[in-house]
Amino acid sequence: MTVTSPVARMRGAGIAAVLLIGWLVSALPVVAHSELVSSIPAAGSSVESAPGMSIVMSFSEALKMGSKADVIGPSGATVGTATIDPADDTKLTWSPAAPLRPGSYTIRWTSIATDGDVLRGTIPFTVLAQASASPSSASPAASASASISPTPSPSSAPGNATSTDAGAIVPVVAALAVIAGLAFALLRRRRPT
């Protein structure tokens, strides 16, 4: 029968804890998501329909093929799909061929990060009827300010972002449980009998 000293057992438990912590730290980048940072139009906003209007969604990381955003019109049908911008792989963009009709729209987006992590969400917005003003009653500056800004503005609520990859959290929880068990075992063995 082999008898190990308490010091040897503590050293072995310490090495196991260090290895476990090292594994956890190396797994942290896998938990990263390609989250929605801003959108044009912003969630809950009302915009005026205008020629040249674009849907632009900016994400925190590069997007992988398969990332997209379907634009659902007032009738419930898909009127267009935003895809990865060839000039910037952190953005989904779509420009309709004709101005959007007035009504309630929803953007249903899916982002796939380069590590395969998937997030989904929705962005509701409303398209207002284009004002039919006479040339003397509306200035060009007023109509330009009512249309969509060409620069992204942060969305106060990017949408209902949800992760479908719960598997990234399970190893972290399991590792924390193992560390707690090791700490309990070490403290229990240190007590005088």
Protein backbone atom coordinates (compact mmCIF):
# COMPACT_ATOMS: atom_id res chain seq x y z
CA MET A 1 0.00 0.00 0.00
CA THR A 2 1.36 3.41 -0.98
CA VAL A 3 0.93 6.25 1.47
CA THR A 4 1.09 9.78 0.16
CA SER A 5 1.80 12.71 2.37
CA PRO A 6 -0.65 15.61 2.71
CA VAL A 7 1.93 17.87 1.06
CA ALA A 8 2.09 15.61 -2.02
CA ARG A 9 -1.70 15.51 -2.26
CA MET A 10 -1.91 19.30 -1.99
CA ARG A 11 0.80 19.69 -4.65
CA GLY A 12 -1.13 17.37 -7.00
CA ALA A 13 -4.38 19.26 -6.37
CA GLY A 14 -2.58 22.57 -6.96
CA ILE A 15 -1.19 21.36 -10.28
CA ALA A 16 -4.65 20.15 -11.32
CA ALA A 17 -6.15 23.55 -10.39
CA VAL A 18 -3.49 25.43 -12.40
CA LEU A 19 -4.09 23.22 -15.44
CA LEU A 20 -7.84 23.72 -15.14
CA ILE A 21 -7.48 27.50 -14.89
CA GLY A 22 -5.17 27.45 -17.93
CA TRP A 23 -7.77 25.48 -19.89
CA LEU A 24 -10.49 27.99 -18.89
CA VAL A 25 -8.41 30.98 -19.95
CA SER A 26 -7.63 29.39 -23.32
CA ALA A 27 -11.35 28.71 -23.88
CA LEU A 28 -12.40 32.36 -23.28
CA PRO A 29 -12.03 33.53 -26.92
CA VAL A 30 -14.49 30.81 -27.96
CA VAL A 31 -17.19 32.53 -25.90
CA ALA A 32 -16.95 35.70 -28.05
CA HIS A 33 -20.02 36.71 -30.07
CA SER A 34 -20.52 38.81 -33.16
CA GLU A 35 -23.01 41.15 -31.47
CA LEU A 36 -25.09 43.87 -33.08
CA VAL A 37 -23.53 47.27 -32.35
CA SER A 38 -25.79 49.62 -34.34
CA SER A 39 -28.38 49.64 -37.06
CA ILE A 40 -29.85 51.99 -39.63
CA PRO A 41 -32.74 52.30 -39.04
CA ALA A 42 -32.49 52.00 -35.27
CA ALA A 43 -34.83 49.69 -33.37
CA GLY A 44 -38.25 51.30 -32.87
CA SER A 45 -37.49 54.28 -35.11
CA SER A 46 -39.70 55.87 -37.75
CA VAL A 47 -38.07 56.79 -41.06
CA GLU A 48 -39.28 58.48 -44.18
CA SER A 49 -39.24 56.40 -47.33
CA ALA A 50 -36.76 57.85 -49.78
CA PRO A 51 -34.83 56.77 -52.86
CA GLY A 52 -31.37 55.54 -51.91
CA MET A 53 -32.42 54.38 -48.42
CA SER A 54 -30.24 51.56 -47.10
CA ILE A 55 -30.44 49.03 -44.30
CA VAL A 56 -27.04 48.89 -42.50
CA MET A 57 -26.27 46.71 -39.49
CA SER A 58 -22.85 46.90 -37.80
CA PHE A 59 -21.49 44.04 -35.67
CA SER A 60 -18.68 43.79 -33.12
CA GLU A 61 -16.72 41.17 -35.10
CA ALA A 62 -16.27 39.85 -38.62
CA LEU A 63 -19.21 37.83 -39.94
CA LYS A 64 -19.04 34.39 -41.49
CA MET A 65 -20.92 33.33 -44.63
CA GLY A 66 -24.55 32.56 -43.75
CA SER A 67 -25.00 35.77 -41.76
CA LYS A 68 -28.01 37.67 -43.09
CA ALA A 69 -30.93 39.93 -42.25
CA ASP A 70 -34.35 39.46 -43.82
CA VAL A 71 -36.46 42.61 -44.11
CA ILE A 72 -40.10 41.66 -43.46
CA GLY A 73 -42.70 44.09 -44.84
CA PRO A 74 -46.16 45.09 -43.57
CA SER A 75 -47.78 42.12 -45.34
CA GLY A 76 -45.46 39.63 -43.58
CA ALA A 77 -43.53 38.85 -46.76
CA THR A 78 -39.76 39.23 -47.10
CA VAL A 79 -39.05 42.34 -49.19
CA GLY A 80 -35.27 41.99 -49.20
CA THR A 81 -32.24 40.44 -47.54
CA ALA A 82 -29.20 42.22 -46.18
CA THR A 83 -25.96 40.32 -46.75
CA ILE A 84 -22.33 40.76 -45.74
CA ASP A 85 -20.92 43.99 -47.14
CA PRO A 86 -18.03 43.11 -49.51
CA ALA A 87 -16.12 46.21 -48.34
CA ASP A 88 -16.59 45.55 -44.59
CA ASP A 89 -17.24 42.04 -43.25
CA THR A 90 -18.55 43.45 -39.94
CA LYS A 91 -21.67 44.84 -41.68
CA LEU A 92 -24.86 43.52 -43.25
CA THR A 93 -26.30 45.86 -45.91
CA TRP A 94 -29.27 46.03 -48.29
CA SER A 95 -30.55 48.80 -50.55
CA PRO A 96 -34.05 48.37 -51.99
CA ALA A 97 -34.49 48.97 -55.72
CA ALA A 98 -37.52 51.21 -55.03
CA PRO A 99 -38.48 53.20 -51.92
CA LEU A 100 -40.17 51.08 -49.24
CA ARG A 101 -43.92 51.46 -48.87
CA PRO A 102 -45.27 52.99 -45.66
CA GLY A 103 -45.96 50.55 -42.82
CA SER A 104 -44.38 48.47 -40.07
CA TYR A 105 -41.24 46.49 -40.92
CA THR A 106 -39.08 44.03 -39.01
CA ILE A 107 -35.48 43.08 -39.67
CA ARG A 108 -34.82 39.46 -38.60
CA TRP A 109 -31.07 39.06 -38.41
CA THR A 110 -28.70 36.16 -37.87
CA SER A 111 -25.01 36.74 -37.23
CA ILE A 112 -22.47 33.94 -37.43
CA ALA A 113 -19.07 34.76 -35.93
CA THR A 114 -15.89 33.37 -37.45
CA ASP A 115 -15.74 30.87 -34.55
CA GLY A 116 -19.22 29.59 -35.53
CA ASP A 117 -21.16 31.25 -32.70
CA VAL A 118 -24.70 32.21 -33.79
CA LEU A 119 -26.79 35.15 -32.54
CA ARG A 120 -30.28 36.14 -33.70
CA GLY A 121 -32.49 39.16 -33.12
CA THR A 122 -35.13 41.47 -34.53
CA ILE A 123 -35.29 45.19 -35.21
CA PRO A 124 -38.74 46.71 -35.67
CA PHE A 125 -39.08 50.04 -37.49
CA THR A 126 -41.75 52.03 -39.28
CA VAL A 127 -41.62 53.61 -42.73
CA LEU A 128 -43.64 56.83 -42.92
CA ALA A 129 -45.37 58.10 -46.03
CA GLN A 130 -43.17 60.48 -47.97
CA ALA A 131 -44.41 64.01 -47.37
CA SER A 132 -45.90 65.55 -50.51
CA ALA A 133 -45.08 69.17 -49.85
CA SER A 134 -45.06 71.94 -52.37
CA PRO A 135 -41.61 73.26 -53.27
CA SER A 136 -42.24 76.53 -51.44
CA SER A 137 -43.36 74.95 -48.13
CA ALA A 138 -40.43 72.60 -47.53
CA SER A 139 -36.78 73.46 -47.76
CA PRO A 140 -34.26 70.90 -49.10
CA ALA A 141 -32.49 70.94 -45.72
CA ALA A 142 -35.70 69.98 -43.88
CA SER A 143 -36.39 67.04 -46.17
CA ALA A 144 -32.79 65.84 -45.95
CA SER A 145 -32.89 65.85 -42.15
CA ALA A 146 -36.09 63.77 -42.14
CA SER A 147 -34.54 60.98 -44.17
CA ILE A 148 -32.13 58.37 -42.89
CA SER A 149 -28.68 59.53 -41.88
CA PRO A 150 -25.84 57.96 -43.92
CA THR A 151 -23.75 57.36 -40.78
CA PRO A 152 -24.62 54.61 -38.31
CA SER A 153 -26.06 55.71 -35.02
CA PRO A 154 -26.06 53.36 -32.05
CA SER A 155 -29.37 51.66 -31.57
CA SER A 156 -30.73 52.06 -28.06
CA ALA A 157 -32.05 48.52 -28.20
CA PRO A 158 -30.31 46.47 -30.92
CA GLY A 159 -33.15 44.00 -30.92
CA ASN A 160 -33.88 40.81 -29.14
CA ALA A 161 -30.41 39.30 -29.37
CA THR A 162 -30.31 35.72 -28.21
CA SER A 163 -27.54 33.19 -28.35
CA THR A 164 -28.28 29.74 -29.67
CA ASP A 165 -24.92 28.38 -28.55
CA ALA A 166 -25.39 27.39 -24.89
CA GLY A 167 -22.53 24.89 -25.28
CA ALA A 168 -19.95 27.63 -24.68
CA ILE A 169 -21.14 28.19 -21.11
CA VAL A 170 -21.31 24.54 -20.03
CA PRO A 171 -17.51 24.00 -19.85
CA VAL A 172 -17.07 27.16 -17.77
CA VAL A 173 -19.74 26.07 -15.27
CA ALA A 174 -18.27 22.55 -15.10
CA ALA A 175 -14.77 23.91 -14.51
CA LEU A 176 -16.00 26.18 -11.72
CA ALA A 177 -17.70 23.18 -10.09
CA VAL A 178 -14.44 21.18 -10.27
CA ILE A 179 -12.48 24.07 -8.75
CA ALA A 180 -15.02 24.38 -5.92
CA GLY A 181 -14.76 20.62 -5.31
CA LEU A 182 -10.95 20.77 -5.21
CA ALA A 183 -11.04 23.69 -2.79
CA PHE A 184 -13.49 21.84 -0.54
CA ALA A 185 -11.31 18.71 -0.57
CA LEU A 186 -8.17 20.71 0.25
CA LEU A 187 -9.83 22.56 3.13
CA ARG A 188 -11.31 19.35 4.51
CA ARG A 189 -7.93 17.59 4.54
CA ARG A 190 -6.22 20.50 6.31
CA ARG A 191 -8.47 20.21 9.37
CA PRO A 192 -6.86 18.56 12.38
CA THR A 193 -8.42 15.25 13.35
